[in-house]
Amino acid sequence: MDAELGSLFIRLLEYNEDFEVLQELEGSNGEFSAAELAELRPLLGLYGGEVEKLLPPGTVNAEYVGWRLMYWGRKMAEAPYGTVEHAGADRTYTRYGLILDEILKEQAGRV
């Protein structure tokens, strides 16, 4: 029971962090392109928290998520620390990492 509550608490903290970054993005001044914003909004849970709602249709796979993880890792490294751009890239990188972990665990369970 404690493990389940702990897991739920961690997930709620993650969703809270996503929501905080979404709020920052909405008030930002062009740090992200329109294409990046179109990717970030669903990824950070604007339309729901299920993996199928976080990613574009047909992209719930390790290859796609791995490529996006590399892109956002590079963007985070290049963005000045403390900026909306860095916070958004950092949270996006983290979210893609969590999704990749989920995908790989699911694949390992099927083997």
C-alpha atoms as a PDB file:
ATOM      1  CA  MET A   1       0.000   0.000   0.000  1.00  0.00           C
ATOM      2  CA  ASP A   2       2.800   2.437   0.883  1.00  0.00           C
ATOM      3  CA  ALA A   3       4.571   1.678  -2.400  1.00  0.00           C
ATOM      4  CA  GLU A   4       1.384   2.420  -4.357  1.00  0.00           C
ATOM      5  CA  LEU A   5       0.879   5.714  -2.523  1.00  0.00           C
ATOM      6  CA  GLY A   6       4.510   6.633  -3.073  1.00  0.00           C
ATOM      7  CA  SER A   7       4.223   5.887  -6.776  1.00  0.00           C
ATOM      8  CA  LEU A   8       1.040   7.932  -7.037  1.00  0.00           C
ATOM      9  CA  PHE A   9       2.664  10.828  -5.184  1.00  0.00           C
ATOM     10  CA  ILE A  10       5.637  10.816  -7.577  1.00  0.00           C
ATOM     11  CA  ARG A  11       3.320  10.776 -10.607  1.00  0.00           C
ATOM     12  CA  LEU A  12       1.365  13.725  -9.184  1.00  0.00           C
ATOM     13  CA  LEU A  13       4.598  15.659  -8.661  1.00  0.00           C
ATOM     14  CA  GLU A  14       5.575  14.952 -12.281  1.00  0.00           C
ATOM     15  CA  TYR A  15       2.203  16.164 -13.569  1.00  0.00           C
ATOM     16  CA  ASN A  16       2.546  19.282 -11.435  1.00  0.00           C
ATOM     17  CA  GLU A  17       5.962  20.016 -12.936  1.00  0.00           C
ATOM     18  CA  ASP A  18       4.519  19.523 -16.428  1.00  0.00           C
ATOM     19  CA  PHE A  19       1.677  21.927 -15.644  1.00  0.00           C
ATOM     20  CA  GLU A  20       4.065  24.577 -14.298  1.00  0.00           C
ATOM     21  CA  VAL A  21       6.110  24.444 -17.499  1.00  0.00           C
ATOM     22  CA  LEU A  22       2.914  24.613 -19.591  1.00  0.00           C
ATOM     23  CA  GLN A  23       1.991  27.807 -17.746  1.00  0.00           C
ATOM     24  CA  GLU A  24       5.439  29.263 -18.425  1.00  0.00           C
ATOM     25  CA  LEU A  25       5.163  28.336 -22.101  1.00  0.00           C
ATOM     26  CA  GLU A  26       1.852  30.122 -22.468  1.00  0.00           C
ATOM     27  CA  GLY A  27       3.409  33.303 -21.075  1.00  0.00           C
ATOM     28  CA  SER A  28       6.667  33.026 -23.021  1.00  0.00           C
ATOM     29  CA  ASN A  29       7.840  35.394 -25.718  1.00  0.00           C
ATOM     30  CA  GLY A  30       8.786  33.205 -28.636  1.00  0.00           C
ATOM     31  CA  GLU A  31      11.456  30.983 -27.111  1.00  0.00           C
ATOM     32  CA  PHE A  32       9.911  28.038 -28.963  1.00  0.00           C
ATOM     33  CA  SER A  33       8.837  27.648 -32.569  1.00  0.00           C
ATOM     34  CA  ALA A  34       5.219  26.928 -33.450  1.00  0.00           C
ATOM     35  CA  ALA A  35       6.191  23.317 -34.258  1.00  0.00           C
ATOM     36  CA  GLU A  36       7.906  22.917 -30.882  1.00  0.00           C
ATOM     37  CA  LEU A  37       4.889  24.338 -29.048  1.00  0.00           C
ATOM     38  CA  ALA A  38       2.631  21.959 -30.974  1.00  0.00           C
ATOM     39  CA  GLU A  39       4.815  19.119 -29.677  1.00  0.00           C
ATOM     40  CA  LEU A  40       5.144  20.431 -26.104  1.00  0.00           C
ATOM     41  CA  ARG A  41       1.503  21.096 -25.315  1.00  0.00           C
ATOM     42  CA  PRO A  42       0.255  17.517 -25.677  1.00  0.00           C
ATOM     43  CA  LEU A  43       3.527  16.035 -24.387  1.00  0.00           C
ATOM     44  CA  LEU A  44       3.217  17.956 -21.130  1.00  0.00           C
ATOM     45  CA  GLY A  45      -0.330  16.741 -20.610  1.00  0.00           C
ATOM     46  CA  LEU A  46      -2.543  19.514 -21.943  1.00  0.00           C
ATOM     47  CA  TYR A  47      -4.861  16.923 -23.496  1.00  0.00           C
ATOM     48  CA  GLY A  48      -4.480  14.114 -20.945  1.00  0.00           C
ATOM     49  CA  GLY A  49      -1.824  12.006 -19.300  1.00  0.00           C
ATOM     50  CA  GLU A  50      -2.019   8.739 -21.222  1.00  0.00           C
ATOM     51  CA  VAL A  51       0.999   8.064 -23.433  1.00  0.00           C
ATOM     52  CA  GLU A  52      -1.259   7.859 -26.501  1.00  0.00           C
ATOM     53  CA  LYS A  53      -2.390  11.451 -25.841  1.00  0.00           C
ATOM     54  CA  LEU A  54       1.122  12.729 -25.121  1.00  0.00           C
ATOM     55  CA  LEU A  55       2.588  11.661 -28.469  1.00  0.00           C
ATOM     56  CA  PRO A  56       1.433  12.070 -32.073  1.00  0.00           C
ATOM     57  CA  PRO A  57      -0.514   9.116 -33.509  1.00  0.00           C
ATOM     58  CA  GLY A  58       1.699   6.215 -34.510  1.00  0.00           C
ATOM     59  CA  THR A  59       4.769   7.401 -32.579  1.00  0.00           C
ATOM     60  CA  VAL A  60       4.506   5.408 -29.363  1.00  0.00           C
ATOM     61  CA  ASN A  61       7.743   3.544 -29.990  1.00  0.00           C
ATOM     62  CA  ALA A  62      11.290   3.614 -28.650  1.00  0.00           C
ATOM     63  CA  GLU A  63      12.811   4.875 -31.900  1.00  0.00           C
ATOM     64  CA  TYR A  64      10.661   8.020 -32.139  1.00  0.00           C
ATOM     65  CA  VAL A  65      10.907   8.803 -28.436  1.00  0.00           C
ATOM     66  CA  GLY A  66      14.685   8.244 -28.508  1.00  0.00           C
ATOM     67  CA  TRP A  67      15.103  10.717 -31.365  1.00  0.00           C
ATOM     68  CA  ARG A  68      12.982  13.339 -29.590  1.00  0.00           C
ATOM     69  CA  LEU A  69      14.903  12.723 -26.369  1.00  0.00           C
ATOM     70  CA  MET A  70      18.188  13.489 -28.164  1.00  0.00           C
ATOM     71  CA  TYR A  71      16.738  16.631 -29.784  1.00  0.00           C
ATOM     72  CA  TRP A  72      15.468  18.051 -26.495  1.00  0.00           C
ATOM     73  CA  GLY A  73      18.645  17.085 -24.645  1.00  0.00           C
ATOM     74  CA  ARG A  74      20.652  19.130 -27.128  1.00  0.00           C
ATOM     75  CA  LYS A  75      18.187  22.018 -26.921  1.00  0.00           C
ATOM     76  CA  MET A  76      18.387  21.957 -23.113  1.00  0.00           C
ATOM     77  CA  ALA A  77      22.217  21.986 -23.220  1.00  0.00           C
ATOM     78  CA  GLU A  78      22.200  24.999 -25.539  1.00  0.00           C
ATOM     79  CA  ALA A  79      19.570  27.039 -23.655  1.00  0.00           C
ATOM     80  CA  PRO A  80      20.730  29.475 -20.963  1.00  0.00           C
ATOM     81  CA  TYR A  81      20.032  28.115 -17.486  1.00  0.00           C
ATOM     82  CA  GLY A  82      17.119  29.827 -15.720  1.00  0.00           C
ATOM     83  CA  THR A  83      15.248  30.714 -18.905  1.00  0.00           C
ATOM     84  CA  VAL A  84      11.829  29.494 -20.025  1.00  0.00           C
ATOM     85  CA  GLU A  85      13.579  27.813 -22.932  1.00  0.00           C
ATOM     86  CA  HIS A  86      15.803  25.798 -20.580  1.00  0.00           C
ATOM     87  CA  ALA A  87      12.934  24.892 -18.227  1.00  0.00           C
ATOM     88  CA  GLY A  88      10.754  23.780 -21.147  1.00  0.00           C
ATOM     89  CA  ALA A  89      13.530  21.750 -22.769  1.00  0.00           C
ATOM     90  CA  ASP A  90      14.496  20.213 -19.418  1.00  0.00           C
ATOM     91  CA  ARG A  91      10.944  19.136 -18.622  1.00  0.00           C
ATOM     92  CA  THR A  92      10.419  17.856 -22.164  1.00  0.00           C
ATOM     93  CA  TYR A  93      13.633  15.843 -21.962  1.00  0.00           C
ATOM     94  CA  THR A  94      12.501  14.401 -18.626  1.00  0.00           C
ATOM     95  CA  ARG A  95       9.011  13.563 -19.930  1.00  0.00           C
ATOM     96  CA  TYR A  96      10.423  11.791 -23.000  1.00  0.00           C
ATOM     97  CA  GLY A  97      12.763   9.840 -20.705  1.00  0.00           C
ATOM     98  CA  LEU A  98       9.825   8.706 -18.571  1.00  0.00           C
ATOM     99  CA  ILE A  99       7.878   7.688 -21.674  1.00  0.00           C
ATOM    100  CA  LEU A 100      10.858   5.769 -23.071  1.00  0.00           C
ATOM    101  CA  ASP A 101      11.247   3.956 -19.745  1.00  0.00           C
ATOM    102  CA  GLU A 102       7.570   2.994 -19.869  1.00  0.00           C
ATOM    103  CA  ILE A 103       7.832   1.757 -23.469  1.00  0.00           C
ATOM    104  CA  LEU A 104      10.948  -0.313 -22.730  1.00  0.00           C
ATOM    105  CA  LYS A 105       9.396  -1.865 -19.622  1.00  0.00           C
ATOM    106  CA  GLU A 106       6.318  -2.802 -21.642  1.00  0.00           C
ATOM    107  CA  GLN A 107       8.487  -4.364 -24.367  1.00  0.00           C
ATOM    108  CA  ALA A 108      10.513  -6.303 -21.782  1.00  0.00           C
ATOM    109  CA  GLY A 109       7.290  -7.667 -20.306  1.00  0.00           C
ATOM    110  CA  ARG A 110       6.258  -9.070 -23.688  1.00  0.00           C
ATOM    111  CA  VAL A 111       9.500 -10.979 -24.246  1.00  0.00           C
END
